[in-house]
């Protein structure tokens, strides 16, 4: 049986960095002791992955050709310990991709990732003109700046493309805008792009990124629909004779999301919006993201829920 694409990349990373997983356990054992501590929502900071890549390449400071390996190994290596592949119903995916990110969606919702790292399949999607089969997403805590980042790794036909969003006390739309401006600025430094091309590059990057963020938001949203009764979660460390260690599962796990909503969307489409012999003049309440509050006053927290298109019936023509 052929390996899924993310597992092929994992196999390649394990071959290129054969001691990485042993070093991960060493880093985890030193957390808060020999090494600084970091938040529970971060699997392993990028500085630790940097050290791993340095050690494997016998370098104290990475040259420019190896810097990208840090981000790639961090995404794939974090995902290794769950190996979950998320498959969103095609009908729902089409709606999510066309749901624009607007308004006050806080970056805080991204802390609701079901696992340290996820891989979301994206059949038929493109990233900057190249076919994109899926993408990894995980959270990073910068030990030096105390900054939180959302890290994406796009699994495209061309390469593994890195996307970084600085998240904080601002909206997700602003985080996308900041990230794309920074990416375009970096491109201008290396390619000497004039300002009009820089602005155009920012718009292209932002437009290409938003559908992927919408898919990720659904995975992070309240009430996300999984097929079956199981739900993804982080695998706990196991106690061994040499201390606590993390172990990778023997094979990938598949999670089907949004099938119920997808079936509803397909039903409305096939029925032509006709009900009980009446000819309706329905309108569609557009799909959108909605913020809710929960908890006691003073201890409330926000969560986001995706509201799919709602077909509203018109007046009877009988």
Protein backbone atom coordinates (compact mmCIF):
# COMPACT_ATOMS: atom_id res chain seq x y z
CA UNK A 1 0.00 0.00 0.00
CA UNK A 2 1.37 3.38 -1.01
CA UNK A 3 2.30 5.77 1.79
CA UNK A 4 0.24 8.98 2.11
CA UNK A 5 2.12 12.11 1.01
CA UNK A 6 2.80 13.44 4.54
CA UNK A 7 4.25 10.08 5.55
CA UNK A 8 6.52 10.10 2.51
CA UNK A 9 7.86 13.45 3.69
CA UNK A 10 8.22 12.04 7.21
CA UNK A 11 10.18 9.08 5.87
CA UNK A 12 12.49 11.44 3.96
CA UNK A 13 13.00 13.63 7.05
CA UNK A 14 13.79 10.58 9.21
CA UNK A 15 16.33 9.41 6.66
CA UNK A 16 17.98 12.83 6.38
CA UNK A 17 17.94 13.47 10.15
CA UNK A 18 18.15 9.96 11.70
CA UNK A 19 18.93 11.16 15.23
CA UNK A 20 16.24 13.86 15.37
CA UNK A 21 13.62 11.85 17.29
CA UNK A 22 16.08 10.80 19.97
CA UNK A 23 17.05 14.45 20.36
CA UNK A 24 13.37 15.41 20.67
CA UNK A 25 13.07 13.17 23.74
CA UNK A 26 16.25 14.71 25.16
CA UNK A 27 14.85 18.21 24.66
CA UNK A 28 11.57 17.22 26.30
CA UNK A 29 13.41 15.77 29.31
CA UNK A 30 15.30 19.06 29.76
CA UNK A 31 12.20 21.24 29.59
CA UNK A 32 12.15 23.59 32.57
CA UNK A 33 15.45 22.15 33.85
CA UNK A 34 18.43 22.37 31.51
CA UNK A 35 16.27 24.24 29.02
CA UNK A 36 13.75 27.09 29.38
CA UNK A 37 10.10 26.11 29.78
CA UNK A 38 7.48 26.84 27.13
CA UNK A 39 3.65 26.84 26.93
CA UNK A 40 1.73 23.57 26.86
CA UNK A 41 0.23 24.33 23.43
CA UNK A 42 3.69 24.32 21.81
CA UNK A 43 5.22 20.90 21.16
CA UNK A 44 8.82 22.06 20.82
CA UNK A 45 10.07 25.61 20.12
CA UNK A 46 11.79 26.42 16.86
CA UNK A 47 15.04 27.12 18.72
CA UNK A 48 15.12 23.44 19.75
CA UNK A 49 14.55 22.31 16.16
CA UNK A 50 17.35 24.69 15.12
CA UNK A 51 19.68 22.95 17.57
CA UNK A 52 18.67 19.54 16.20
CA UNK A 53 19.40 20.57 12.61
CA UNK A 54 22.73 22.08 13.71
CA UNK A 55 23.74 18.89 15.53
CA UNK A 56 22.80 16.66 12.62
CA UNK A 57 24.82 18.82 10.22
CA UNK A 58 27.71 19.28 12.69
CA UNK A 59 27.39 23.06 12.58
CA UNK A 60 27.18 25.69 15.31
CA UNK A 61 25.41 28.13 13.01
CA UNK A 62 23.38 27.08 9.97
CA UNK A 63 24.20 28.41 6.55
CA UNK A 64 21.38 29.89 4.49
CA UNK A 65 20.80 26.66 2.56
CA UNK A 66 19.85 24.78 5.73
CA UNK A 67 17.72 27.38 7.51
CA UNK A 68 14.59 26.20 5.72
CA UNK A 69 15.15 22.69 7.05
CA UNK A 70 14.38 23.96 10.56
CA UNK A 71 10.81 25.00 9.68
CA UNK A 72 10.22 21.91 7.56
CA UNK A 73 11.54 19.51 10.22
CA UNK A 74 9.56 21.33 12.94
CA UNK A 75 6.24 20.89 11.09
CA UNK A 76 6.82 17.30 9.97
CA UNK A 77 8.53 16.29 13.23
CA UNK A 78 5.74 17.70 15.41
CA UNK A 79 3.15 15.95 13.23
CA UNK A 80 5.07 12.66 13.56
CA UNK A 81 3.69 12.07 17.06
CA UNK A 82 0.05 12.15 15.94
CA UNK A 83 0.16 11.50 12.18
CA UNK A 84 -3.43 12.68 11.79
CA UNK A 85 -4.66 13.42 8.27
CA UNK A 86 -7.79 15.59 8.19
CA UNK A 87 -10.20 15.15 5.28
CA UNK A 88 -12.94 17.78 5.00
CA UNK A 89 -16.10 16.90 3.09
CA UNK A 90 -15.76 18.21 -0.52
CA UNK A 91 -19.05 20.15 -0.49
CA UNK A 92 -18.20 21.81 2.81
CA UNK A 93 -14.64 22.48 1.65
CA UNK A 94 -15.94 24.35 -1.40
CA UNK A 95 -18.03 26.60 0.86
CA UNK A 96 -15.20 27.14 3.35
CA UNK A 97 -12.82 28.15 0.57
CA UNK A 98 -15.25 30.86 -0.54
CA UNK A 99 -15.94 32.19 2.95
CA UNK A 100 -13.99 35.42 3.27
CA UNK A 101 -12.07 36.19 6.43
CA UNK A 102 -13.48 39.49 7.64
CA UNK A 103 -14.34 41.13 10.92
CA UNK A 104 -13.02 40.54 14.39
CA UNK A 105 -11.94 36.89 14.29
CA UNK A 106 -9.32 36.79 17.06
CA UNK A 107 -6.05 34.92 16.72
CA UNK A 108 -6.98 33.25 20.01
CA UNK A 109 -9.11 30.65 18.19
CA UNK A 110 -5.94 29.05 16.80
CA UNK A 111 -5.07 27.77 20.28
CA UNK A 112 -7.92 25.29 19.74
CA UNK A 113 -5.90 23.10 17.38
CA UNK A 114 -6.97 19.53 18.23
CA UNK A 115 -3.33 18.32 18.19
CA UNK A 116 0.12 19.85 18.31
CA UNK A 117 0.25 19.61 14.52
CA UNK A 118 -2.36 18.76 11.91
CA UNK A 119 -2.17 17.87 8.23
CA UNK A 120 -5.22 18.96 6.21
CA UNK A 121 -5.69 17.50 2.74
CA UNK A 122 -6.52 20.08 0.05
CA UNK A 123 -7.40 18.25 -3.19
CA UNK A 124 -7.81 20.58 -6.15
CA UNK A 125 -6.31 23.60 -4.38
CA UNK A 126 -3.29 25.62 -5.46
CA UNK A 127 -0.63 27.61 -3.63
CA UNK A 128 0.97 30.36 -5.71
CA UNK A 129 0.26 28.55 -8.99
CA UNK A 130 1.42 25.11 -7.87
CA UNK A 131 -0.89 22.21 -7.00
CA UNK A 132 -1.19 21.88 -3.22
CA UNK A 133 -2.02 18.44 -1.83
CA UNK A 134 -2.31 19.52 1.80
CA UNK A 135 -0.62 21.52 4.52
CA UNK A 136 0.72 21.14 8.04
CA UNK A 137 -0.17 23.64 10.78
CA UNK A 138 1.32 24.02 14.26
CA UNK A 139 1.99 26.74 16.84
CA UNK A 140 5.42 28.08 17.68
CA UNK A 141 6.58 29.91 20.82
CA UNK A 142 9.68 32.02 20.25
CA UNK A 143 11.78 31.58 23.40
CA UNK A 144 13.73 34.81 22.76
CA UNK A 145 10.90 37.21 21.87
CA UNK A 146 8.04 35.40 23.69
CA UNK A 147 6.10 35.70 20.43
CA UNK A 148 3.47 33.23 19.28
CA UNK A 149 3.42 32.19 15.64
CA UNK A 150 1.22 30.04 13.47
CA UNK A 151 3.45 27.97 11.22
CA UNK A 152 2.14 26.49 7.98
CA UNK A 153 4.01 24.16 5.65
CA UNK A 154 2.38 23.88 2.22
CA UNK A 155 2.78 20.48 0.58
CA UNK A 156 2.91 21.54 -3.07
CA UNK A 157 4.00 19.88 -6.26
CA UNK A 158 6.90 22.35 -6.48
CA UNK A 159 8.26 22.21 -2.92
CA UNK A 160 7.42 22.49 0.77
CA UNK A 161 6.58 26.17 1.17
CA UNK A 162 6.86 27.89 4.57
CA UNK A 163 4.27 30.44 5.78
CA UNK A 164 4.57 32.27 9.12
CA UNK A 165 1.84 34.31 10.84
CA UNK A 166 2.57 36.37 13.94
CA UNK A 167 -0.48 35.98 16.15
CA UNK A 168 -1.37 38.04 19.17
CA UNK A 169 -3.90 40.59 20.38
CA UNK A 170 -5.12 41.40 16.91
CA UNK A 171 -7.49 39.84 14.41
CA UNK A 172 -6.69 36.91 12.19
CA UNK A 173 -7.25 39.09 9.13
CA UNK A 174 -4.57 41.47 10.41
CA UNK A 175 -2.23 38.55 11.11
CA UNK A 176 -2.60 37.39 7.50
CA UNK A 177 -2.00 40.94 6.27
CA UNK A 178 1.13 41.35 8.42
CA UNK A 179 2.53 38.00 7.33
CA UNK A 180 1.97 38.64 3.65
CA UNK A 181 3.50 42.12 3.80
CA UNK A 182 6.56 40.67 5.53
CA UNK A 183 6.81 37.88 2.95
CA UNK A 184 6.58 40.40 0.13
CA UNK A 185 9.16 42.64 1.84
CA UNK A 186 11.58 39.72 2.11
CA UNK A 187 10.99 38.94 -1.56
CA UNK A 188 11.77 42.54 -2.44
CA UNK A 189 15.11 42.32 -0.60
CA UNK A 190 16.21 39.24 -2.52
CA UNK A 191 14.60 40.00 -5.89
CA UNK A 192 14.72 43.83 -5.73
CA UNK A 193 11.01 44.21 -6.55
CA UNK A 194 9.70 47.77 -7.11
CA UNK A 195 6.86 49.02 -4.87
CA UNK A 196 3.96 48.37 -7.36
CA UNK A 197 5.09 44.75 -7.72
CA UNK A 198 5.48 44.54 -3.93
CA UNK A 199 1.85 45.61 -3.42
CA UNK A 200 0.66 43.18 -6.07
CA UNK A 201 2.67 40.36 -4.48
CA UNK A 202 1.06 41.07 -1.09
CA UNK A 203 -2.43 40.85 -2.58
CA UNK A 204 -1.64 37.61 -4.41
CA UNK A 205 -0.17 36.01 -1.29
CA UNK A 206 -3.10 37.12 0.90
CA UNK A 207 -5.72 35.91 -1.59
CA UNK A 208 -3.98 32.55 -1.94
CA UNK A 209 -3.63 32.08 1.81
CA UNK A 210 -7.17 32.90 2.96
CA UNK A 211 -8.85 29.64 1.75
CA UNK A 212 -6.26 27.59 3.65
CA UNK A 213 -6.83 29.63 6.81
CA UNK A 214 -10.59 29.05 6.46
CA UNK A 215 -10.02 25.28 6.38
CA UNK A 216 -7.82 25.52 9.45
CA UNK A 217 -10.42 27.63 11.25
CA UNK A 218 -13.02 24.92 10.71
CA UNK A 219 -10.70 22.35 12.30
CA UNK A 220 -10.31 24.75 15.27
CA UNK A 221 -13.98 25.72 15.52
CA UNK A 222 -16.56 24.75 18.11
CA UNK A 223 -18.82 21.88 17.13
CA UNK A 224 -16.64 20.61 14.27
CA UNK A 225 -18.26 17.41 12.99
CA UNK A 226 -16.14 14.24 13.05
CA UNK A 227 -17.35 10.98 11.55
CA UNK A 228 -17.61 8.43 14.36
CA UNK A 229 -17.35 8.91 18.11
CA UNK A 230 -13.59 9.30 18.45
CA UNK A 231 -11.87 12.67 18.55
CA UNK A 232 -8.18 13.49 17.91
CA UNK A 233 -5.94 14.33 20.85
CA UNK A 234 -2.25 14.54 21.68
CA UNK A 235 -0.60 11.22 22.52
CA UNK A 236 0.81 11.21 26.08
CA UNK A 237 4.42 10.38 26.87
CA UNK A 238 5.09 6.85 28.15
CA UNK A 239 7.29 5.92 31.08
CA UNK A 240 10.28 3.74 30.20
CA UNK A 241 13.38 2.54 32.04
CA UNK A 242 15.16 5.59 30.64
CA UNK A 243 12.46 8.05 31.60
CA UNK A 244 9.41 9.47 29.87
CA UNK A 245 9.43 9.22 26.09
CA UNK A 246 7.17 10.04 23.18
CA UNK A 247 6.44 7.38 20.59
CA UNK A 248 5.09 7.80 17.07
CA UNK A 249 1.99 5.77 16.13
CA UNK A 250 2.60 2.82 13.75
CA UNK A 251 0.48 4.31 10.98
CA UNK A 252 -1.38 7.50 10.05
CA UNK A 253 -4.86 8.24 11.37
CA UNK A 254 -7.59 9.61 9.11
CA UNK A 255 -10.29 11.97 10.36
CA UNK A 256 -13.36 12.75 8.24
CA UNK A 257 -14.87 16.15 9.00
CA UNK A 258 -18.14 17.85 8.08
CA UNK A 259 -19.89 14.97 6.35
CA UNK A 260 -23.28 15.88 7.86
CA UNK A 261 -23.05 19.50 6.67
CA UNK A 262 -21.78 18.27 3.29
CA UNK A 263 -24.79 15.96 2.92
CA UNK A 264 -27.12 18.85 3.72
CA UNK A 265 -25.44 21.04 1.13
CA UNK A 266 -25.71 18.32 -1.51
CA UNK A 267 -29.38 17.68 -0.63
CA UNK A 268 -30.35 21.31 -1.03
CA UNK A 269 -28.49 21.41 -4.33
CA UNK A 270 -30.15 18.26 -5.70
CA UNK A 271 -33.63 19.16 -4.42
CA UNK A 272 -33.57 22.49 -6.16
CA UNK A 273 -34.95 24.03 -2.95
CA UNK A 274 -38.47 22.59 -3.44
CA UNK A 275 -40.38 21.48 -0.34
CA UNK A 276 -43.69 19.59 0.01
CA UNK A 277 -45.05 20.57 -3.39
CA UNK A 278 -44.66 24.29 -2.76
CA UNK A 279 -42.64 26.47 -5.07
CA UNK A 280 -40.38 28.54 -2.87
CA UNK A 281 -38.45 31.70 -3.50
CA UNK A 282 -35.60 30.92 -1.13
CA UNK A 283 -32.62 33.02 -0.43
CA UNK A 284 -29.31 31.89 0.93
CA UNK A 285 -27.94 33.31 4.15
CA UNK A 286 -24.24 33.29 3.36
CA UNK A 287 -21.81 31.09 5.24
CA UNK A 288 -19.88 33.00 7.86
CA UNK A 289 -17.80 32.71 11.01
CA UNK A 290 -19.51 33.73 14.25
CA UNK A 291 -17.94 34.48 17.61
CA UNK A 292 -19.55 33.23 20.80
CA UNK A 293 -18.77 33.78 24.47
CA UNK A 294 -18.88 31.06 27.10
CA UNK A 295 -18.18 30.86 30.81
CA UNK A 296 -19.08 32.94 33.84
CA UNK A 297 -18.91 36.73 33.79
CA UNK A 298 -15.33 37.81 34.28
CA UNK A 299 -14.05 34.39 33.22
CA UNK A 300 -15.51 34.30 29.73
CA UNK A 301 -13.60 33.13 26.70
CA UNK A 302 -14.34 33.43 23.00
CA UNK A 303 -14.79 30.58 20.58
CA UNK A 304 -15.61 30.54 16.91
CA UNK A 305 -18.24 28.52 15.11
CA UNK A 306 -18.71 28.08 11.39
CA UNK A 307 -22.29 28.71 10.29
CA UNK A 308 -22.83 27.08 6.88
CA UNK A 309 -25.14 28.53 4.24
CA UNK A 310 -28.72 28.53 5.51
CA UNK A 311 -31.45 28.13 2.92
CA UNK A 312 -34.38 30.31 3.95
CA UNK A 313 -37.76 29.53 2.36
CA UNK A 314 -39.79 32.24 0.71
CA UNK A 315 -43.58 32.63 0.61
CA UNK A 316 -45.81 29.85 -0.75
CA UNK A 317 -46.98 30.34 -4.33
CA UNK A 318 -50.13 28.18 -3.83
